[in-house]
Amino acid sequence: MDHARDLLHMINHFRLEMPMPLVGIGHSLGANILCNLAFIHPRLLSTTVFLDPVIQHQATSPRGVNPAQASTFRRDIWPSRSEAETTFRKQKFYQSWDPRVLERWCKFGLRETPS
């Protein structure tokens, strides 16, 4: 919640300079922080958009892994898009996703390299 508190201080300081309506867009851990901010200050944002949010009940997982740390070491380069998709489909984490969401993740969540 420290990040959300820092955002709240910044928002209170610059409130008069902010054009309304405000739309909050957050990706991954940023989406989690944005969600916390929306709970702390419910009338601030007119819309929130969360892209691939980190959703968990604790700051660390039961194994003590910080989500930001875990994503640092996540594989992000694949020989082919199809190999990435095959690997994702074998992983328990992705098997819990709705198949349509996984399909779209594989289509739009990966990019060709070099970029």
PDB file of N, CA and C in Angstrom:
ATOM      1  N   MET A   1       0.807  -1.206   0.000  1.00  0.00           N
ATOM      2  CA  MET A   1       0.000   0.000   0.000  1.00  0.00           C
ATOM      3  C   MET A   1       0.847   1.265   0.000  1.00  0.00           C
ATOM      4  N   ASP A   2       2.152   1.180   0.194  1.00  0.00           N
ATOM      5  CA  ASP A   2       2.987   2.371   0.201  1.00  0.00           C
ATOM      6  C   ASP A   2       2.915   3.117  -1.131  1.00  0.00           C
ATOM      7  N   HIS A   3       2.889   2.367  -2.235  1.00  0.00           N
ATOM      8  CA  HIS A   3       2.813   3.009  -3.548  1.00  0.00           C
ATOM      9  C   HIS A   3       1.497   3.755  -3.699  1.00  0.00           C
ATOM     10  N   ALA A   4       0.407   3.161  -3.241  1.00  0.00           N
ATOM     11  CA  ALA A   4      -0.895   3.826  -3.332  1.00  0.00           C
ATOM     12  C   ALA A   4      -0.904   5.079  -2.458  1.00  0.00           C
ATOM     13  N   ARG A   5      -0.282   5.013  -1.291  1.00  0.00           N
ATOM     14  CA  ARG A   5      -0.213   6.180  -0.406  1.00  0.00           C
ATOM     15  C   ARG A   5       0.603   7.295  -1.075  1.00  0.00           C
ATOM     16  N   ASP A   6       1.718   6.930  -1.730  1.00  0.00           N
ATOM     17  CA  ASP A   6       2.526   7.929  -2.440  1.00  0.00           C
ATOM     18  C   ASP A   6       1.715   8.579  -3.559  1.00  0.00           C
ATOM     19  N   LEU A   7       0.954   7.767  -4.290  1.00  0.00           N
ATOM     20  CA  LEU A   7       0.101   8.317  -5.345  1.00  0.00           C
ATOM     21  C   LEU A   7      -0.939   9.263  -4.764  1.00  0.00           C
ATOM     22  N   LEU A   8      -1.502   8.895  -3.625  1.00  0.00           N
ATOM     23  CA  LEU A   8      -2.515   9.728  -2.984  1.00  0.00           C
ATOM     24  C   LEU A   8      -1.926  11.086  -2.596  1.00  0.00           C
ATOM     25  N   HIS A   9      -0.711  11.099  -2.048  1.00  0.00           N
ATOM     26  CA  HIS A   9      -0.057  12.363  -1.701  1.00  0.00           C
ATOM     27  C   HIS A   9       0.158  13.215  -2.956  1.00  0.00           C
ATOM     28  N   MET A  10       0.605  12.591  -4.031  1.00  0.00           N
ATOM     29  CA  MET A  10       0.834  13.305  -5.277  1.00  0.00           C
ATOM     30  C   MET A  10      -0.484  13.866  -5.820  1.00  0.00           C
ATOM     31  N   ILE A  11      -1.530  13.062  -5.751  1.00  0.00           N
ATOM     32  CA  ILE A  11      -2.843  13.493  -6.242  1.00  0.00           C
ATOM     33  C   ILE A  11      -3.353  14.678  -5.442  1.00  0.00           C
ATOM     34  N   ASN A  12      -3.233  14.607  -4.133  1.00  0.00           N
ATOM     35  CA  ASN A  12      -3.689  15.716  -3.300  1.00  0.00           C
ATOM     36  C   ASN A  12      -2.886  16.993  -3.584  1.00  0.00           C
ATOM     37  N   HIS A  13      -1.606  16.855  -3.860  1.00  0.00           N
ATOM     38  CA  HIS A  13      -0.755  18.008  -4.138  1.00  0.00           C
ATOM     39  C   HIS A  13      -1.101  18.669  -5.480  1.00  0.00           C
ATOM     40  N   PHE A  14      -1.395  17.852  -6.496  1.00  0.00           N
ATOM     41  CA  PHE A  14      -1.629  18.373  -7.845  1.00  0.00           C
ATOM     42  C   PHE A  14      -3.109  18.404  -8.244  1.00  0.00           C
ATOM     43  N   ARG A  15      -4.003  18.246  -7.312  1.00  0.00           N
ATOM     44  CA  ARG A  15      -5.432  18.121  -7.602  1.00  0.00           C
ATOM     45  C   ARG A  15      -5.968  19.228  -8.504  1.00  0.00           C
ATOM     46  N   LEU A  16      -5.598  20.458  -8.274  1.00  0.00           N
ATOM     47  CA  LEU A  16      -6.134  21.580  -9.054  1.00  0.00           C
ATOM     48  C   LEU A  16      -5.610  21.603 -10.485  1.00  0.00           C
ATOM     49  N   GLU A  17      -4.517  20.904 -10.753  1.00  0.00           N
ATOM     50  CA  GLU A  17      -3.929  20.880 -12.091  1.00  0.00           C
ATOM     51  C   GLU A  17      -4.385  19.674 -12.912  1.00  0.00           C
ATOM     52  N   MET A  18      -5.197  18.822 -12.340  1.00  0.00           N
ATOM     53  CA  MET A  18      -5.607  17.588 -13.022  1.00  0.00           C
ATOM     54  C   MET A  18      -6.869  17.814 -13.844  1.00  0.00           C
ATOM     55  N   PRO A  19      -6.799  17.508 -15.137  1.00  0.00           N
ATOM     56  CA  PRO A  19      -8.024  17.598 -15.952  1.00  0.00           C
ATOM     57  C   PRO A  19      -8.947  16.434 -15.602  1.00  0.00           C
ATOM     58  N   MET A  20     -10.203  16.687 -15.585  1.00  0.00           N
ATOM     59  CA  MET A  20     -11.179  15.644 -15.275  1.00  0.00           C
ATOM     60  C   MET A  20     -11.926  15.285 -16.538  1.00  0.00           C
ATOM     61  N   PRO A  21     -12.441  14.118 -16.729  1.00  0.00           N
ATOM     62  CA  PRO A  21     -12.345  12.967 -15.815  1.00  0.00           C
ATOM     63  C   PRO A  21     -10.981  12.289 -15.916  1.00  0.00           C
ATOM     64  N   LEU A  22     -10.599  11.613 -14.833  1.00  0.00           N
ATOM     65  CA  LEU A  22      -9.340  10.873 -14.807  1.00  0.00           C
ATOM     66  C   LEU A  22      -9.602   9.399 -15.071  1.00  0.00           C
ATOM     67  N   VAL A  23      -8.793   8.831 -15.948  1.00  0.00           N
ATOM     68  CA  VAL A  23      -8.862   7.404 -16.251  1.00  0.00           C
ATOM     69  C   VAL A  23      -7.546   6.799 -15.789  1.00  0.00           C
ATOM     70  N   GLY A  24      -7.635   5.770 -14.938  1.00  0.00           N
ATOM     71  CA  GLY A  24      -6.438   5.093 -14.454  1.00  0.00           C
ATOM     72  C   GLY A  24      -6.200   3.821 -15.250  1.00  0.00           C
ATOM     73  N   ILE A  25      -4.988   3.674 -15.789  1.00  0.00           N
ATOM     74  CA  ILE A  25      -4.622   2.479 -16.547  1.00  0.00           C
ATOM     75  C   ILE A  25      -3.374   1.899 -15.898  1.00  0.00           C
ATOM     76  N   GLY A  26      -3.461   0.632 -15.478  1.00  0.00           N
ATOM     77  CA  GLY A  26      -2.321   0.000 -14.835  1.00  0.00           C
ATOM     78  C   GLY A  26      -2.064  -1.380 -15.394  1.00  0.00           C
ATOM     79  N   HIS A  27      -0.788  -1.724 -15.519  1.00  0.00           N
ATOM     80  CA  HIS A  27      -0.384  -3.040 -16.012  1.00  0.00           C
ATOM     81  C   HIS A  27       0.347  -3.794 -14.908  1.00  0.00           C
ATOM     82  N   SER A  28       0.030  -5.078 -14.747  1.00  0.00           N
ATOM     83  CA  SER A  28       0.708  -5.967 -13.825  1.00  0.00           C
ATOM     84  C   SER A  28       0.626  -5.426 -12.398  1.00  0.00           C
ATOM     85  N   LEU A  29       1.762  -5.217 -11.749  1.00  0.00           N
ATOM     86  CA  LEU A  29       1.750  -4.712 -10.380  1.00  0.00           C
ATOM     87  C   LEU A  29       1.173  -3.299 -10.332  1.00  0.00           C
ATOM     88  N   GLY A  30       1.353  -2.526 -11.415  1.00  0.00           N
ATOM     89  CA  GLY A  30       0.765  -1.193 -11.482  1.00  0.00           C
ATOM     90  C   GLY A  30      -0.759  -1.235 -11.416  1.00  0.00           C
ATOM     91  N   ALA A  31      -1.364  -2.284 -11.979  1.00  0.00           N
ATOM     92  CA  ALA A  31      -2.813  -2.445 -11.900  1.00  0.00           C
ATOM     93  C   ALA A  31      -3.239  -2.714 -10.465  1.00  0.00           C
ATOM     94  N   ASN A  32      -2.436  -3.489  -9.750  1.00  0.00           N
ATOM     95  CA  ASN A  32      -2.721  -3.768  -8.345  1.00  0.00           C
ATOM     96  C   ASN A  32      -2.651  -2.478  -7.525  1.00  0.00           C
ATOM     97  N   ILE A  33      -1.626  -1.677  -7.765  1.00  0.00           N
ATOM     98  CA  ILE A  33      -1.469  -0.410  -7.050  1.00  0.00           C
ATOM     99  C   ILE A  33      -2.624   0.528  -7.383  1.00  0.00           C
ATOM    100  N   LEU A  34      -3.020   0.570  -8.646  1.00  0.00           N
ATOM    101  CA  LEU A  34      -4.136   1.407  -9.078  1.00  0.00           C
ATOM    102  C   LEU A  34      -5.436   0.976  -8.404  1.00  0.00           C
ATOM    103  N   CYS A  35      -5.623  -0.327  -8.285  1.00  0.00           N
ATOM    104  CA  CYS A  35      -6.812  -0.855  -7.606  1.00  0.00           C
ATOM    105  C   CYS A  35      -6.840  -0.389  -6.144  1.00  0.00           C
ATOM    106  N   ASN A  36      -5.689  -0.474  -5.474  1.00  0.00           N
ATOM    107  CA  ASN A  36      -5.619  -0.001  -4.085  1.00  0.00           C
ATOM    108  C   ASN A  36      -5.931   1.485  -3.996  1.00  0.00           C
ATOM    109  N   LEU A  37      -5.407   2.260  -4.936  1.00  0.00           N
ATOM    110  CA  LEU A  37      -5.673   3.695  -4.956  1.00  0.00           C
ATOM    111  C   LEU A  37      -7.172   3.959  -5.127  1.00  0.00           C
ATOM    112  N   ALA A  38      -7.812   3.207  -6.009  1.00  0.00           N
ATOM    113  CA  ALA A  38      -9.251   3.382  -6.244  1.00  0.00           C
ATOM    114  C   ALA A  38     -10.057   3.070  -4.972  1.00  0.00           C
ATOM    115  N   PHE A  39      -9.600   2.109  -4.184  1.00  0.00           N
ATOM    116  CA  PHE A  39     -10.276   1.813  -2.920  1.00  0.00           C
ATOM    117  C   PHE A  39     -10.054   2.919  -1.893  1.00  0.00           C
ATOM    118  N   ILE A  40      -8.845   3.470  -1.867  1.00  0.00           N
ATOM    119  CA  ILE A  40      -8.520   4.531  -0.915  1.00  0.00           C
ATOM    120  C   ILE A  40      -9.251   5.824  -1.272  1.00  0.00           C
ATOM    121  N   HIS A  41      -9.366   6.101  -2.551  1.00  0.00           N
ATOM    122  CA  HIS A  41      -9.924   7.375  -3.036  1.00  0.00           C
ATOM    123  C   HIS A  41     -10.978   7.066  -4.103  1.00  0.00           C
ATOM    124  N   PRO A  42     -12.149   6.556  -3.707  1.00  0.00           N
ATOM    125  CA  PRO A  42     -13.122   6.003  -4.665  1.00  0.00           C
ATOM    126  C   PRO A  42     -13.707   6.991  -5.672  1.00  0.00           C
ATOM    127  N   ARG A  43     -13.687   8.287  -5.404  1.00  0.00           N
ATOM    128  CA  ARG A  43     -14.264   9.242  -6.361  1.00  0.00           C
ATOM    129  C   ARG A  43     -13.228   9.896  -7.257  1.00  0.00           C
ATOM    130  N   LEU A  44     -11.985   9.504  -7.127  1.00  0.00           N
ATOM    131  CA  LEU A  44     -10.925  10.137  -7.902  1.00  0.00           C
ATOM    132  C   LEU A  44     -10.977   9.754  -9.380  1.00  0.00           C
ATOM    133  N   LEU A  45     -11.090   8.475  -9.668  1.00  0.00           N
ATOM    134  CA  LEU A  45     -11.011   7.980 -11.038  1.00  0.00           C
ATOM    135  C   LEU A  45     -12.407   7.693 -11.587  1.00  0.00           C
ATOM    136  N   SER A  46     -12.647   8.145 -12.802  1.00  0.00           N
ATOM    137  CA  SER A  46     -13.947   7.857 -13.407  1.00  0.00           C
ATOM    138  C   SER A  46     -13.965   6.456 -14.005  1.00  0.00           C
ATOM    139  N   THR A  47     -12.792   5.960 -14.409  1.00  0.00           N
ATOM    140  CA  THR A  47     -12.676   4.638 -15.030  1.00  0.00           C
ATOM    141  C   THR A  47     -11.333   4.042 -14.648  1.00  0.00           C
ATOM    142  N   THR A  48     -11.300   2.737 -14.473  1.00  0.00           N
ATOM    143  CA  THR A  48     -10.032   2.040 -14.279  1.00  0.00           C
ATOM    144  C   THR A  48      -9.917   0.931 -15.314  1.00  0.00           C
ATOM    145  N   VAL A  49      -8.707   0.754 -15.807  1.00  0.00           N
ATOM    146  CA  VAL A  49      -8.416  -0.308 -16.768  1.00  0.00           C
ATOM    147  C   VAL A  49      -7.228  -1.082 -16.206  1.00  0.00           C
ATOM    148  N   PHE A  50      -7.436  -2.381 -15.967  1.00  0.00           N
ATOM    149  CA  PHE A  50      -6.380  -3.231 -15.428  1.00  0.00           C
ATOM    150  C   PHE A  50      -5.932  -4.205 -16.513  1.00  0.00           C
ATOM    151  N   LEU A  51      -4.652  -4.160 -16.855  1.00  0.00           N
ATOM    152  CA  LEU A  51      -4.087  -5.051 -17.862  1.00  0.00           C
ATOM    153  C   LEU A  51      -3.184  -6.059 -17.170  1.00  0.00           C
ATOM    154  N   ASP A  52      -3.544  -7.332 -17.269  1.00  0.00           N
ATOM    155  CA  ASP A  52      -2.726  -8.397 -16.694  1.00  0.00           C
ATOM    156  C   ASP A  52      -2.384  -8.108 -15.235  1.00  0.00           C
ATOM    157  N   PRO A  53      -3.407  -7.843 -14.383  1.00  0.00           N
ATOM    158  CA  PRO A  53      -3.122  -7.449 -13.003  1.00  0.00           C
ATOM    159  C   PRO A  53      -2.586  -8.599 -12.148  1.00  0.00           C
ATOM    160  N   VAL A  54      -1.763  -8.238 -11.178  1.00  0.00           N
ATOM    161  CA  VAL A  54      -1.326  -9.179 -10.151  1.00  0.00           C
ATOM    162  C   VAL A  54      -2.453  -9.240  -9.132  1.00  0.00           C
ATOM    163  N   ILE A  55      -3.011 -10.422  -8.933  1.00  0.00           N
ATOM    164  CA  ILE A  55      -4.116 -10.577  -7.992  1.00  0.00           C
ATOM    165  C   ILE A  55      -3.705 -11.606  -6.956  1.00  0.00           C
ATOM    166  N   GLN A  56      -3.575 -11.156  -5.708  1.00  0.00           N
ATOM    167  CA  GLN A  56      -3.238 -12.062  -4.620  1.00  0.00           C
ATOM    168  C   GLN A  56      -3.676 -11.432  -3.313  1.00  0.00           C
ATOM    169  N   HIS A  57      -3.748 -12.251  -2.286  1.00  0.00           N
ATOM    170  CA  HIS A  57      -4.234 -11.783  -0.989  1.00  0.00           C
ATOM    171  C   HIS A  57      -3.117 -11.278  -0.082  1.00  0.00           C
ATOM    172  N   GLN A  58      -1.875 -11.620  -0.380  1.00  0.00           N
ATOM    173  CA  GLN A  58      -0.749 -11.241   0.459  1.00  0.00           C
ATOM    174  C   GLN A  58       0.293 -10.527  -0.385  1.00  0.00           C
ATOM    175  N   ALA A  59       1.178  -9.781   0.298  1.00  0.00           N
ATOM    176  CA  ALA A  59       2.251  -9.093  -0.411  1.00  0.00           C
ATOM    177  C   ALA A  59       3.244 -10.078  -1.011  1.00  0.00           C
ATOM    178  N   THR A  60       3.373 -11.234  -0.398  1.00  0.00           N
ATOM    179  CA  THR A  60       4.231 -12.283  -0.942  1.00  0.00           C
ATOM    180  C   THR A  60       3.436 -13.571  -0.990  1.00  0.00           C
ATOM    181  N   SER A  61       3.866 -14.473  -1.806  1.00  0.00           N
ATOM    182  CA  SER A  61       3.188 -15.751  -1.919  1.00  0.00           C
ATOM    183  C   SER A  61       3.554 -16.612  -0.717  1.00  0.00           C
ATOM    184  N   PRO A  62       2.851 -17.737  -0.512  1.00  0.00           N
ATOM    185  CA  PRO A  62       3.185 -18.616   0.612  1.00  0.00           C
ATOM    186  C   PRO A  62       4.641 -19.075   0.591  1.00  0.00           C
ATOM    187  N   ARG A  63       5.252 -19.128  -0.581  1.00  0.00           N
ATOM    188  CA  ARG A  63       6.653 -19.529  -0.691  1.00  0.00           C
ATOM    189  C   ARG A  63       7.591 -18.351  -0.487  1.00  0.00           C
ATOM    190  N   GLY A  64       7.051 -17.172  -0.210  1.00  0.00           N
ATOM    191  CA  GLY A  64       7.879 -16.011   0.055  1.00  0.00           C
ATOM    192  C   GLY A  64       8.385 -15.294  -1.186  1.00  0.00           C
ATOM    193  N   VAL A  65       7.808 -15.581  -2.348  1.00  0.00           N
ATOM    194  CA  VAL A  65       8.262 -14.946  -3.583  1.00  0.00           C
ATOM    195  C   VAL A  65       7.486 -13.655  -3.802  1.00  0.00           C
ATOM    196  N   ASN A  66       8.201 -12.580  -4.000  1.00  0.00           N
ATOM    197  CA  ASN A  66       7.592 -11.299  -4.298  1.00  0.00           C
ATOM    198  C   ASN A  66       7.165 -11.308  -5.768  1.00  0.00           C
ATOM    199  N   PRO A  67       5.937 -10.856  -6.115  1.00  0.00           N
ATOM    200  CA  PRO A  67       5.489 -10.921  -7.507  1.00  0.00           C
ATOM    201  C   PRO A  67       6.376 -10.133  -8.466  1.00  0.00           C
ATOM    202  N   ALA A  68       6.907  -9.008  -8.024  1.00  0.00           N
ATOM    203  CA  ALA A  68       7.796  -8.229  -8.896  1.00  0.00           C
ATOM    204  C   ALA A  68       9.083  -9.001  -9.155  1.00  0.00           C
ATOM    205  N   GLN A  69       9.576  -9.684  -8.128  1.00  0.00           N
ATOM    206  CA  GLN A  69      10.781 -10.491  -8.285  1.00  0.00           C
ATOM    207  C   GLN A  69      10.528 -11.654  -9.233  1.00  0.00           C
ATOM    208  N   ALA A  70       9.381 -12.304  -9.080  1.00  0.00           N
ATOM    209  CA  ALA A  70       9.058 -13.458  -9.920  1.00  0.00           C
ATOM    210  C   ALA A  70       8.992 -13.063 -11.391  1.00  0.00           C
ATOM    211  N   SER A  71       8.421 -11.898 -11.680  1.00  0.00           N
ATOM    212  CA  SER A  71       8.300 -11.487 -13.076  1.00  0.00           C
ATOM    213  C   SER A  71       9.650 -11.099 -13.677  1.00  0.00           C
ATOM    214  N   THR A  72      10.597 -10.741 -12.819  1.00  0.00           N
ATOM    215  CA  THR A  72      11.933 -10.399 -13.303  1.00  0.00           C
ATOM    216  C   THR A  72      12.589 -11.581 -14.001  1.00  0.00           C
ATOM    217  N   PHE A  73      12.323 -12.785 -13.504  1.00  0.00           N
ATOM    218  CA  PHE A  73      12.973 -13.981 -14.026  1.00  0.00           C
ATOM    219  C   PHE A  73      12.070 -14.796 -14.951  1.00  0.00           C
ATOM    220  N   ARG A  74      10.881 -14.273 -15.248  1.00  0.00           N
ATOM    221  CA  ARG A  74       9.961 -14.976 -16.142  1.00  0.00           C
ATOM    222  C   ARG A  74      10.513 -14.959 -17.569  1.00  0.00           C
ATOM    223  N   ARG A  75      10.444 -16.102 -18.210  1.00  0.00           N
ATOM    224  CA  ARG A  75      10.944 -16.207 -19.578  1.00  0.00           C
ATOM    225  C   ARG A  75      10.120 -15.311 -20.498  1.00  0.00           C
ATOM    226  N   ASP A  76      10.809 -14.566 -21.351  1.00  0.00           N
ATOM    227  CA  ASP A  76      10.091 -13.673 -22.259  1.00  0.00           C
ATOM    228  C   ASP A  76      10.581 -13.740 -23.699  1.00  0.00           C
ATOM    229  N   ILE A  77      11.500 -14.639 -23.999  1.00  0.00           N
ATOM    230  CA  ILE A  77      11.965 -14.820 -25.370  1.00  0.00           C
ATOM    231  C   ILE A  77      11.773 -16.292 -25.740  1.00  0.00           C
ATOM    232  N   TRP A  78      11.114 -16.519 -26.872  1.00  0.00           N
ATOM    233  CA  TRP A  78      10.787 -17.867 -27.334  1.00  0.00           C
ATOM    234  C   TRP A  78      11.266 -18.050 -28.771  1.00  0.00           C
ATOM    235  N   PRO A  79      11.614 -19.279 -29.153  1.00  0.00           N
ATOM    236  CA  PRO A  79      11.999 -19.532 -30.539  1.00  0.00           C
ATOM    237  C   PRO A  79      10.860 -19.237 -31.519  1.00  0.00           C
ATOM    238  N   SER A  80       9.622 -19.446 -31.052  1.00  0.00           N
ATOM    239  CA  SER A  80       8.464 -19.179 -31.910  1.00  0.00           C
ATOM    240  C   SER A  80       7.248 -18.915 -31.033  1.00  0.00           C
ATOM    241  N   ARG A  81       6.269 -18.281 -31.631  1.00  0.00           N
ATOM    242  CA  ARG A  81       5.003 -18.027 -30.926  1.00  0.00           C
ATOM    243  C   ARG A  81       4.327 -19.345 -30.557  1.00  0.00           C
ATOM    244  N   SER A  82       4.378 -20.326 -31.467  1.00  0.00           N
ATOM    245  CA  SER A  82       3.715 -21.606 -31.201  1.00  0.00           C
ATOM    246  C   SER A  82       4.385 -22.353 -30.044  1.00  0.00           C
ATOM    247  N   GLU A  83       5.711 -22.250 -29.923  1.00  0.00           N
ATOM    248  CA  GLU A  83       6.390 -22.896 -28.794  1.00  0.00           C
ATOM    249  C   GLU A  83       6.009 -22.229 -27.467  1.00  0.00           C
ATOM    250  N   ALA A  84       5.888 -20.909 -27.486  1.00  0.00           N
ATOM    251  CA  ALA A  84       5.455 -20.197 -26.283  1.00  0.00           C
ATOM    252  C   ALA A  84       4.050 -20.657 -25.891  1.00  0.00           C
ATOM    253  N   GLU A  85       3.157 -20.710 -26.852  1.00  0.00           N
ATOM    254  CA  GLU A  85       1.777 -21.124 -26.577  1.00  0.00           C
ATOM    255  C   GLU A  85       1.734 -22.556 -26.049  1.00  0.00           C
ATOM    256  N   THR A  86       2.497 -23.458 -26.639  1.00  0.00           N
ATOM    257  CA  THR A  86       2.536 -24.847 -26.174  1.00  0.00           C
ATOM    258  C   THR A  86       3.008 -24.913 -24.721  1.00  0.00           C
ATOM    259  N   THR A  87       4.036 -24.137 -24.395  1.00  0.00           N
ATOM    260  CA  THR A  87       4.556 -24.114 -23.027  1.00  0.00           C
ATOM    261  C   THR A  87       3.518 -23.551 -22.061  1.00  0.00           C
ATOM    262  N   PHE A  88       2.867 -22.451 -22.447  1.00  0.00           N
ATOM    263  CA  PHE A  88       1.846 -21.862 -21.577  1.00  0.00           C
ATOM    264  C   PHE A  88       0.726 -22.866 -21.296  1.00  0.00           C
ATOM    265  N   ARG A  89       0.281 -23.565 -22.318  1.00  0.00           N
ATOM    266  CA  ARG A  89      -0.836 -24.507 -22.152  1.00  0.00           C
ATOM    267  C   ARG A  89      -0.489 -25.657 -21.209  1.00  0.00           C
ATOM    268  N   LYS A  90       0.786 -25.972 -21.036  1.00  0.00           N
ATOM    269  CA  LYS A  90       1.206 -27.051 -20.140  1.00  0.00           C
ATOM    270  C   LYS A  90       1.299 -26.600 -18.682  1.00  0.00           C
ATOM    271  N   GLN A  91       1.388 -25.292 -18.466  1.00  0.00           N
ATOM    272  CA  GLN A  91       1.587 -24.769 -17.112  1.00  0.00           C
ATOM    273  C   GLN A  91       0.259 -24.665 -16.357  1.00  0.00           C
ATOM    274  N   LYS A  92       0.283 -25.128 -15.112  1.00  0.00           N
ATOM    275  CA  LYS A  92      -0.931 -25.145 -14.285  1.00  0.00           C
ATOM    276  C   LYS A  92      -1.536 -23.742 -14.150  1.00  0.00           C
ATOM    277  N   PHE A  93      -0.685 -22.736 -14.012  1.00  0.00           N
ATOM    278  CA  PHE A  93      -1.163 -21.364 -13.870  1.00  0.00           C
ATOM    279  C   PHE A  93      -2.067 -20.974 -15.043  1.00  0.00           C
ATOM    280  N   TYR A  94      -1.617 -21.231 -16.270  1.00  0.00           N
ATOM    281  CA  TYR A  94      -2.380 -20.848 -17.451  1.00  0.00           C
ATOM    282  C   TYR A  94      -3.555 -21.790 -17.710  1.00  0.00           C
ATOM    283  N   GLN A  95      -3.508 -23.006 -17.207  1.00  0.00           N
ATOM    284  CA  GLN A  95      -4.625 -23.935 -17.372  1.00  0.00           C
ATOM    285  C   GLN A  95      -5.858 -23.471 -16.605  1.00  0.00           C
ATOM    286  N   SER A  96      -5.658 -22.608 -15.613  1.00  0.00           N
ATOM    287  CA  SER A  96      -6.802 -22.089 -14.855  1.00  0.00           C
ATOM    288  C   SER A  96      -7.505 -20.952 -15.589  1.00  0.00           C
ATOM    289  N   TRP A  97      -6.891 -20.431 -16.646  1.00  0.00           N
ATOM    290  CA  TRP A  97      -7.483 -19.333 -17.413  1.00  0.00           C
ATOM    291  C   TRP A  97      -8.589 -19.853 -18.322  1.00  0.00           C
ATOM    292  N   ASP A  98      -9.528 -19.013 -18.603  1.00  0.00           N
ATOM    293  CA  ASP A  98     -10.517 -19.305 -19.621  1.00  0.00           C
ATOM    294  C   ASP A  98      -9.754 -19.490 -20.937  1.00  0.00           C
ATOM    295  N   PRO A  99     -10.022 -20.544 -21.696  1.00  0.00           N
ATOM    296  CA  PRO A  99      -9.274 -20.800 -22.938  1.00  0.00           C
ATOM    297  C   PRO A  99      -9.287 -19.618 -23.920  1.00  0.00           C
ATOM    298  N   ARG A 100     -10.364 -18.851 -23.933  1.00  0.00           N
ATOM    299  CA  ARG A 100     -10.437 -17.687 -24.829  1.00  0.00           C
ATOM    300  C   ARG A 100      -9.443 -16.604 -24.413  1.00  0.00           C
ATOM    301  N   VAL A 101      -9.271 -16.459 -23.097  1.00  0.00           N
ATOM    302  CA  VAL A 101      -8.325 -15.459 -22.598  1.00  0.00           C
ATOM    303  C   VAL A 101      -6.899 -15.882 -22.930  1.00  0.00           C
ATOM    304  N   LEU A 102      -6.597 -17.167 -22.726  1.00  0.00           N
ATOM    305  CA  LEU A 102      -5.251 -17.659 -23.058  1.00  0.00           C
ATOM    306  C   LEU A 102      -4.967 -17.496 -24.549  1.00  0.00           C
ATOM    307  N   GLU A 103      -5.966 -17.781 -25.359  1.00  0.00           N
ATOM    308  CA  GLU A 103      -5.799 -17.614 -26.812  1.00  0.00           C
ATOM    309  C   GLU A 103      -5.459 -16.170 -27.155  1.00  0.00           C
ATOM    310  N   ARG A 104      -6.156 -15.226 -26.541  1.00  0.00           N
ATOM    311  CA  ARG A 104      -5.896 -13.808 -26.812  1.00  0.00           C
ATOM    312  C   ARG A 104      -4.549 -13.366 -26.235  1.00  0.00           C
ATOM    313  N   TRP A 105      -4.187 -13.925 -25.066  1.00  0.00           N
ATOM    314  CA  TRP A 105      -2.883 -13.629 -24.482  1.00  0.00           C
ATOM    315  C   TRP A 105      -1.773 -14.062 -25.451  1.00  0.00           C
ATOM    316  N   CYS A 106      -1.904 -15.247 -25.995  1.00  0.00           N
ATOM    317  CA  CYS A 106      -0.895 -15.752 -26.927  1.00  0.00           C
ATOM    318  C   CYS A 106      -0.864 -14.926 -28.214  1.00  0.00           C
ATOM    319  N   LYS A 107      -2.024 -14.419 -28.623  1.00  0.00           N
ATOM    320  CA  LYS A 107      -2.081 -13.637 -29.855  1.00  0.00           C
ATOM    321  C   LYS A 107      -1.605 -12.189 -29.658  1.00  0.00           C
ATOM    322  N   PHE A 108      -2.009 -11.574 -28.549  1.00  0.00           N
ATOM    323  CA  PHE A 108      -1.744 -10.142 -28.366  1.00  0.00           C
ATOM    324  C   PHE A 108      -0.759  -9.834 -27.245  1.00  0.00           C
ATOM    325  N   GLY A 109      -0.504 -10.787 -26.345  1.00  0.00           N
ATOM    326  CA  GLY A 109       0.376 -10.532 -25.200  1.00  0.00           C
ATOM    327  C   GLY A 109       1.843 -10.792 -25.487  1.00  0.00           C
ATOM    328  N   LEU A 110       2.119 -11.368 -26.647  1.00  0.00           N
ATOM    329  CA  LEU A 110       3.491 -11.636 -27.047  1.00  0.00           C
ATOM    330  C   LEU A 110       3.841 -10.753 -28.237  1.00  0.00           C
ATOM    331  N   ARG A 111       5.095 -10.420 -28.362  1.00  0.00           N
ATOM    332  CA  ARG A 111       5.501  -9.606 -29.514  1.00  0.00           C
ATOM    333  C   ARG A 111       6.701 -10.273 -30.180  1.00  0.00           C
ATOM    334  N   GLU A 112       6.814  -9.991 -31.448  1.00  0.00           N
ATOM    335  CA  GLU A 112       7.925 -10.546 -32.227  1.00  0.00           C
ATOM    336  C   GLU A 112       9.222  -9.840 -31.838  1.00  0.00           C
ATOM    337  N   THR A 113      10.325 -10.565 -31.899  1.00  0.00           N
ATOM    338  CA  THR A 113      11.629  -9.955 -31.648  1.00  0.00           C
ATOM    339  C   THR A 113      12.474 -10.100 -32.904  1.00  0.00           C
ATOM    340  N   PRO A 114      13.417  -9.262 -33.172  1.00  0.00           N
ATOM    341  CA  PRO A 114      13.724  -8.089 -32.352  1.00  0.00           C
ATOM    342  C   PRO A 114      12.654  -7.026 -32.537  1.00  0.00           C
ATOM    343  N   SER A 115      12.488  -6.242 -31.467  1.00  0.00           N
ATOM    344  CA  SER A 115      11.457  -5.205 -31.489  1.00  0.00           C
ATOM    345  C   SER A 115      12.050  -3.848 -31.756  1.00  0.00           C
TER     346      SER A 115
END
